[in-house]
Amino acid sequence: MLAAGGVMCIGGPALIYYVTPSEEELFLRYNPELQRRSLQNRQQKQEDFDNFVGRLKNYSKSDKPIWIEEQVQAAKQKEASVRAELDRRRTAEAEAEARRQEIKNSLR
């Protein structure tokens, strides 16, 4: 029983390590179109990951749990984007009104 347990405890992970392909081997098995797309998106994915890790580091500086701090930051970001959209709409409305006034004045 001791030998069988040793084979399972040592042999199982060794077999998994042996049969699992590396990232390079998986990449080489992709068809050329997927390889090209993967290479194009690699830099963007790396930047996204770096931004995510940076945000997590900032969230961890707070006394609150990370998930609560993330929700607070998401709410602030949503509020800021809504405010920006409202400002953009107000500006567009003001420009449209100015054009209307200009057209009215030019017709007189």
C-alpha atoms as a PDB file:
ATOM      1  CA  MET A   1       0.000   0.000   0.000  1.00  0.00           C
ATOM      2  CA  LEU A   2       2.881   2.323   0.764  1.00  0.00           C
ATOM      3  CA  ALA A   3       4.382   1.749  -2.704  1.00  0.00           C
ATOM      4  CA  ALA A   4       1.012   2.310  -4.417  1.00  0.00           C
ATOM      5  CA  GLY A   5       0.491   5.529  -2.438  1.00  0.00           C
ATOM      6  CA  GLY A   6       3.971   6.725  -3.349  1.00  0.00           C
ATOM      7  CA  VAL A   7       3.375   6.011  -7.035  1.00  0.00           C
ATOM      8  CA  MET A   8       0.109   7.950  -6.942  1.00  0.00           C
ATOM      9  CA  CYS A   9       1.439  10.878  -4.905  1.00  0.00           C
ATOM     10  CA  ILE A  10       4.630  11.268  -6.911  1.00  0.00           C
ATOM     11  CA  GLY A  11       3.695   9.716 -10.244  1.00  0.00           C
ATOM     12  CA  GLY A  12       0.407  11.601 -10.677  1.00  0.00           C
ATOM     13  CA  PRO A  13       1.860  15.112 -10.563  1.00  0.00           C
ATOM     14  CA  ALA A  14       4.883  13.964 -12.583  1.00  0.00           C
ATOM     15  CA  LEU A  15       2.552  12.607 -15.292  1.00  0.00           C
ATOM     16  CA  ILE A  16       0.573  15.850 -15.357  1.00  0.00           C
ATOM     17  CA  TYR A  17       3.794  17.854 -15.624  1.00  0.00           C
ATOM     18  CA  TYR A  18       4.983  15.599 -18.463  1.00  0.00           C
ATOM     19  CA  VAL A  19       1.802  15.706 -20.570  1.00  0.00           C
ATOM     20  CA  THR A  20       0.882  19.389 -20.069  1.00  0.00           C
ATOM     21  CA  PRO A  21       2.172  21.474 -23.010  1.00  0.00           C
ATOM     22  CA  SER A  22       4.052  24.718 -22.388  1.00  0.00           C
ATOM     23  CA  GLU A  23       2.672  28.079 -23.515  1.00  0.00           C
ATOM     24  CA  GLU A  24       5.027  28.078 -26.502  1.00  0.00           C
ATOM     25  CA  GLU A  25       3.842  24.635 -27.616  1.00  0.00           C
ATOM     26  CA  LEU A  26       0.219  25.733 -27.345  1.00  0.00           C
ATOM     27  CA  PHE A  27       0.942  28.917 -29.288  1.00  0.00           C
ATOM     28  CA  LEU A  28       2.635  26.936 -32.068  1.00  0.00           C
ATOM     29  CA  ARG A  29      -0.447  24.706 -32.335  1.00  0.00           C
ATOM     30  CA  TYR A  30      -2.653  27.719 -33.125  1.00  0.00           C
ATOM     31  CA  ASN A  31      -3.543  28.259 -36.738  1.00  0.00           C
ATOM     32  CA  PRO A  32      -1.686  31.209 -38.335  1.00  0.00           C
ATOM     33  CA  GLU A  33      -4.698  33.544 -38.089  1.00  0.00           C
ATOM     34  CA  LEU A  34      -5.007  32.977 -34.318  1.00  0.00           C
ATOM     35  CA  GLN A  35      -1.255  33.407 -33.879  1.00  0.00           C
ATOM     36  CA  ARG A  36      -1.377  36.745 -35.715  1.00  0.00           C
ATOM     37  CA  ARG A  37      -4.361  37.976 -33.670  1.00  0.00           C
ATOM     38  CA  SER A  38      -2.733  36.803 -30.436  1.00  0.00           C
ATOM     39  CA  LEU A  39       0.452  38.703 -31.240  1.00  0.00           C
ATOM     40  CA  GLN A  40      -1.519  41.851 -32.127  1.00  0.00           C
ATOM     41  CA  ASN A  41      -3.525  41.772 -28.901  1.00  0.00           C
ATOM     42  CA  ARG A  42      -0.632  40.813 -26.625  1.00  0.00           C
ATOM     43  CA  GLN A  43       0.535  44.383 -25.913  1.00  0.00           C
ATOM     44  CA  GLN A  44      -3.005  45.616 -25.189  1.00  0.00           C
ATOM     45  CA  LYS A  45      -3.718  42.686 -22.876  1.00  0.00           C
ATOM     46  CA  GLN A  46      -0.449  43.302 -21.019  1.00  0.00           C
ATOM     47  CA  GLU A  47      -1.312  46.987 -20.561  1.00  0.00           C
ATOM     48  CA  ASP A  48      -4.806  46.087 -19.336  1.00  0.00           C
ATOM     49  CA  PHE A  49      -3.339  43.637 -16.841  1.00  0.00           C
ATOM     50  CA  ASP A  50      -0.793  46.182 -15.618  1.00  0.00           C
ATOM     51  CA  ASN A  51      -3.568  48.764 -15.147  1.00  0.00           C
ATOM     52  CA  PHE A  52      -5.646  46.197 -13.259  1.00  0.00           C
ATOM     53  CA  VAL A  53      -2.759  45.344 -10.924  1.00  0.00           C
ATOM     54  CA  GLY A  54      -2.061  49.038 -10.380  1.00  0.00           C
ATOM     55  CA  ARG A  55      -5.694  49.659  -9.445  1.00  0.00           C
ATOM     56  CA  LEU A  56      -5.597  46.713  -7.046  1.00  0.00           C
ATOM     57  CA  LYS A  57      -2.492  48.138  -5.394  1.00  0.00           C
ATOM     58  CA  ASN A  58      -4.241  51.488  -4.977  1.00  0.00           C
ATOM     59  CA  TYR A  59      -7.342  49.796  -3.575  1.00  0.00           C
ATOM     60  CA  SER A  60      -5.238  47.833  -1.094  1.00  0.00           C
ATOM     61  CA  LYS A  61      -3.855  51.051   0.397  1.00  0.00           C
ATOM     62  CA  SER A  62      -7.313  51.762   1.812  1.00  0.00           C
ATOM     63  CA  ASP A  63      -8.537  50.369   5.128  1.00  0.00           C
ATOM     64  CA  LYS A  64     -11.620  48.998   3.372  1.00  0.00           C
ATOM     65  CA  PRO A  65     -11.709  45.588   1.656  1.00  0.00           C
ATOM     66  CA  ILE A  66     -10.618  45.681  -1.989  1.00  0.00           C
ATOM     67  CA  TRP A  67     -14.047  44.750  -3.380  1.00  0.00           C
ATOM     68  CA  ILE A  68     -15.751  47.566  -1.469  1.00  0.00           C
ATOM     69  CA  GLU A  69     -13.100  50.081  -2.508  1.00  0.00           C
ATOM     70  CA  GLU A  70     -13.516  48.924  -6.117  1.00  0.00           C
ATOM     71  CA  GLN A  71     -17.270  49.518  -5.909  1.00  0.00           C
ATOM     72  CA  VAL A  72     -16.695  53.003  -4.496  1.00  0.00           C
ATOM     73  CA  GLN A  73     -14.216  53.827  -7.263  1.00  0.00           C
ATOM     74  CA  ALA A  74     -16.567  52.404  -9.919  1.00  0.00           C
ATOM     75  CA  ALA A  75     -19.391  54.583  -8.593  1.00  0.00           C
ATOM     76  CA  LYS A  76     -17.129  57.656  -8.673  1.00  0.00           C
ATOM     77  CA  GLN A  77     -16.017  56.841 -12.210  1.00  0.00           C
ATOM     78  CA  LYS A  78     -19.613  56.315 -13.349  1.00  0.00           C
ATOM     79  CA  GLU A  79     -20.638  59.624 -11.786  1.00  0.00           C
ATOM     80  CA  ALA A  80     -17.759  61.389 -13.523  1.00  0.00           C
ATOM     81  CA  SER A  81     -18.656  59.859 -16.879  1.00  0.00           C
ATOM     82  CA  VAL A  82     -22.317  60.837 -16.449  1.00  0.00           C
ATOM     83  CA  ARG A  83     -21.248  64.377 -15.558  1.00  0.00           C
ATOM     84  CA  ALA A  84     -18.980  64.506 -18.622  1.00  0.00           C
ATOM     85  CA  GLU A  85     -21.791  63.251 -20.858  1.00  0.00           C
ATOM     86  CA  LEU A  86     -24.166  65.883 -19.461  1.00  0.00           C
ATOM     87  CA  ASP A  87     -21.574  68.594 -20.059  1.00  0.00           C
ATOM     88  CA  ARG A  88     -21.081  67.347 -23.604  1.00  0.00           C
ATOM     89  CA  ARG A  89     -24.840  67.406 -24.238  1.00  0.00           C
ATOM     90  CA  ARG A  90     -25.172  70.898 -22.763  1.00  0.00           C
ATOM     91  CA  THR A  91     -22.339  72.120 -24.967  1.00  0.00           C
ATOM     92  CA  ALA A  92     -23.909  70.518 -28.040  1.00  0.00           C
ATOM     93  CA  GLU A  93     -27.285  72.040 -27.178  1.00  0.00           C
ATOM     94  CA  ALA A  94     -25.708  75.467 -26.724  1.00  0.00           C
ATOM     95  CA  GLU A  95     -23.946  75.152 -30.080  1.00  0.00           C
ATOM     96  CA  ALA A  96     -27.195  74.086 -31.735  1.00  0.00           C
ATOM     97  CA  GLU A  97     -29.018  77.017 -30.180  1.00  0.00           C
ATOM     98  CA  ALA A  98     -26.277  79.383 -31.359  1.00  0.00           C
ATOM     99  CA  ARG A  99     -26.630  77.987 -34.896  1.00  0.00           C
ATOM    100  CA  ARG A 100     -30.416  78.438 -34.726  1.00  0.00           C
ATOM    101  CA  GLN A 101     -29.997  82.047 -33.637  1.00  0.00           C
ATOM    102  CA  GLU A 102     -27.454  82.619 -36.386  1.00  0.00           C
ATOM    103  CA  ILE A 103     -29.855  81.197 -38.982  1.00  0.00           C
ATOM    104  CA  LYS A 104     -32.731  83.351 -37.625  1.00  0.00           C
ATOM    105  CA  ASN A 105     -30.544  86.462 -37.749  1.00  0.00           C
ATOM    106  CA  SER A 106     -29.345  85.713 -41.267  1.00  0.00           C
ATOM    107  CA  LEU A 107     -32.929  85.367 -42.550  1.00  0.00           C
ATOM    108  CA  ARG A 108     -33.974  88.819 -41.313  1.00  0.00           C
END
